[in-house]
N, C-alpha and C. Protein backbone atom coordinates (compact mmCIF):
# COMPACT_ATOMS: atom_id res chain seq x y z
N UNK A 1 99.77 53.56 46.12
CA UNK A 1 99.01 53.55 47.35
C UNK A 1 97.55 53.17 47.08
N UNK A 2 97.01 53.56 45.95
CA UNK A 2 95.62 53.25 45.66
C UNK A 2 95.44 51.82 45.17
N UNK A 3 96.48 51.24 44.61
CA UNK A 3 96.38 49.87 44.09
C UNK A 3 96.01 48.86 45.18
N UNK A 4 96.63 48.87 46.36
CA UNK A 4 96.21 47.90 47.40
C UNK A 4 94.76 48.11 47.85
N UNK A 5 94.32 49.36 47.87
CA UNK A 5 92.94 49.63 48.27
C UNK A 5 91.98 49.05 47.22
N UNK A 6 92.28 49.26 45.96
CA UNK A 6 91.43 48.74 44.88
C UNK A 6 91.43 47.22 44.89
N UNK A 7 92.61 46.63 45.05
CA UNK A 7 92.68 45.16 45.10
C UNK A 7 91.93 44.61 46.31
N UNK A 8 92.02 45.30 47.42
CA UNK A 8 91.29 44.88 48.61
C UNK A 8 89.78 44.95 48.40
N UNK A 9 89.32 46.00 47.76
CA UNK A 9 87.88 46.12 47.47
C UNK A 9 87.42 45.06 46.49
N UNK A 10 88.23 44.77 45.49
CA UNK A 10 87.89 43.71 44.53
C UNK A 10 87.81 42.37 45.24
N UNK A 11 88.75 42.10 46.11
CA UNK A 11 88.73 40.84 46.87
C UNK A 11 87.50 40.77 47.77
N UNK A 12 87.14 41.89 48.38
CA UNK A 12 85.95 41.92 49.24
C UNK A 12 84.69 41.65 48.42
N UNK A 13 84.58 42.25 47.26
CA UNK A 13 83.41 42.03 46.40
C UNK A 13 83.34 40.57 45.97
N UNK A 14 84.46 39.98 45.61
CA UNK A 14 84.47 38.57 45.21
C UNK A 14 84.08 37.65 46.38
N UNK A 15 84.55 37.98 47.57
CA UNK A 15 84.20 37.16 48.74
C UNK A 15 82.71 37.25 49.03
N UNK A 16 82.15 38.43 48.95
CA UNK A 16 80.71 38.59 49.19
C UNK A 16 79.91 37.86 48.12
N UNK A 17 80.35 37.96 46.87
CA UNK A 17 79.66 37.26 45.78
C UNK A 17 79.70 35.75 45.98
N UNK A 18 80.84 35.23 46.39
CA UNK A 18 80.95 33.78 46.64
C UNK A 18 80.04 33.36 47.78
N UNK A 19 79.96 34.17 48.82
CA UNK A 19 79.09 33.86 49.95
C UNK A 19 77.63 33.84 49.51
N UNK A 20 77.23 34.80 48.70
CA UNK A 20 75.85 34.84 48.21
C UNK A 20 75.53 33.63 47.35
N UNK A 21 76.47 33.19 46.53
CA UNK A 21 76.25 32.01 45.69
C UNK A 21 76.07 30.77 46.56
N UNK A 22 76.89 30.62 47.58
CA UNK A 22 76.79 29.45 48.47
C UNK A 22 75.46 29.46 49.20
N UNK A 23 75.06 30.62 49.72
CA UNK A 23 73.79 30.69 50.44
C UNK A 23 72.60 30.42 49.53
N UNK A 24 72.63 30.94 48.32
CA UNK A 24 71.55 30.70 47.37
C UNK A 24 71.49 29.23 46.97
N UNK A 25 72.65 28.59 46.83
CA UNK A 25 72.69 27.17 46.49
C UNK A 25 72.07 26.33 47.60
N UNK A 26 72.39 26.67 48.83
CA UNK A 26 71.79 25.94 49.96
C UNK A 26 70.29 26.13 50.00
N UNK A 27 69.84 27.36 49.74
CA UNK A 27 68.40 27.63 49.75
C UNK A 27 67.70 26.86 48.64
N UNK A 28 68.31 26.80 47.47
CA UNK A 28 67.72 26.06 46.36
C UNK A 28 67.67 24.56 46.66
N UNK A 29 68.70 24.04 47.30
CA UNK A 29 68.71 22.61 47.65
C UNK A 29 67.61 22.31 48.67
N UNK A 30 67.43 23.19 49.62
CA UNK A 30 66.38 22.99 50.63
C UNK A 30 65.00 23.05 49.97
N UNK A 31 64.83 24.00 49.04
CA UNK A 31 63.55 24.11 48.34
C UNK A 31 63.28 22.87 47.50
N UNK A 32 64.30 22.34 46.84
CA UNK A 32 64.14 21.13 46.03
C UNK A 32 63.78 19.93 46.90
N UNK A 33 64.39 19.84 48.07
CA UNK A 33 64.07 18.74 48.98
C UNK A 33 62.63 18.84 49.48
N UNK A 34 62.19 20.05 49.76
CA UNK A 34 60.81 20.24 50.22
C UNK A 34 59.84 19.88 49.11
N UNK A 35 60.14 20.28 47.89
CA UNK A 35 59.28 19.95 46.76
C UNK A 35 59.25 18.45 46.51
N UNK A 36 60.41 17.79 46.66
CA UNK A 36 60.46 16.34 46.48
C UNK A 36 59.61 15.64 47.52
N UNK A 37 59.70 16.09 48.77
CA UNK A 37 58.90 15.48 49.84
C UNK A 37 57.41 15.68 49.58
N UNK A 38 57.04 16.89 49.14
CA UNK A 38 55.63 17.16 48.86
C UNK A 38 55.13 16.30 47.70
N UNK A 39 55.94 16.16 46.68
CA UNK A 39 55.55 15.34 45.52
C UNK A 39 55.38 13.88 45.93
N UNK A 40 56.30 13.38 46.74
CA UNK A 40 56.19 11.99 47.20
C UNK A 40 54.99 11.81 48.12
N UNK A 41 54.70 12.82 48.95
CA UNK A 41 53.56 12.72 49.85
C UNK A 41 52.25 12.69 49.05
N UNK A 42 52.19 13.46 47.97
CA UNK A 42 50.99 13.43 47.13
C UNK A 42 50.79 12.07 46.49
N UNK A 43 51.88 11.39 46.20
CA UNK A 43 51.79 10.06 45.59
C UNK A 43 51.61 8.96 46.64
N UNK A 44 51.72 9.33 47.92
CA UNK A 44 51.61 8.34 48.98
C UNK A 44 52.87 7.54 49.17
N UNK A 45 53.97 8.04 48.68
CA UNK A 45 55.24 7.33 48.78
C UNK A 45 56.04 7.84 49.99
N UNK A 46 56.99 7.02 50.40
CA UNK A 46 57.92 7.39 51.46
C UNK A 46 59.18 7.92 50.80
N UNK A 47 59.80 8.88 51.42
CA UNK A 47 61.03 9.45 50.88
C UNK A 47 62.10 8.36 50.82
N UNK A 48 62.62 8.03 49.64
CA UNK A 48 63.62 6.95 49.54
C UNK A 48 64.94 7.31 50.20
N UNK A 49 65.19 8.59 50.41
CA UNK A 49 66.43 9.01 51.05
C UNK A 49 66.30 9.09 52.56
N UNK A 50 65.10 8.89 53.09
CA UNK A 50 64.89 9.03 54.53
C UNK A 50 65.66 7.96 55.30
N UNK A 51 65.84 6.80 54.74
CA UNK A 51 66.54 5.72 55.44
C UNK A 51 67.99 6.10 55.73
N UNK A 52 68.58 6.94 54.89
CA UNK A 52 69.96 7.37 55.12
C UNK A 52 70.07 8.28 56.33
N UNK A 53 68.98 8.93 56.70
CA UNK A 53 69.01 9.87 57.81
C UNK A 53 68.61 9.24 59.14
N UNK A 54 68.14 7.99 59.09
CA UNK A 54 67.74 7.31 60.31
C UNK A 54 68.94 6.67 60.98
N UNK A 55 69.00 6.79 62.28
CA UNK A 55 70.10 6.19 63.05
C UNK A 55 69.51 5.42 64.21
N UNK A 56 70.09 4.27 64.49
CA UNK A 56 69.64 3.43 65.60
C UNK A 56 70.29 3.93 66.89
N UNK A 57 69.47 4.09 67.93
CA UNK A 57 70.00 4.46 69.23
C UNK A 57 70.63 3.24 69.88
N UNK A 58 71.84 3.41 70.35
CA UNK A 58 72.52 2.27 70.99
C UNK A 58 72.77 2.54 72.43
């Protein structure tokens, strides 16, 4: 009877850990993008990846 409870708790802990890793990865990616933009702005350059985000209105 205790085995399913323990397995359920282990699964819950693993799910929470995976969620935290994903959220931290997204935060780190956003921070890196902000730092890249700031570095390019200091150099007077345009973000080379900005063209990929531009869309023409039709």
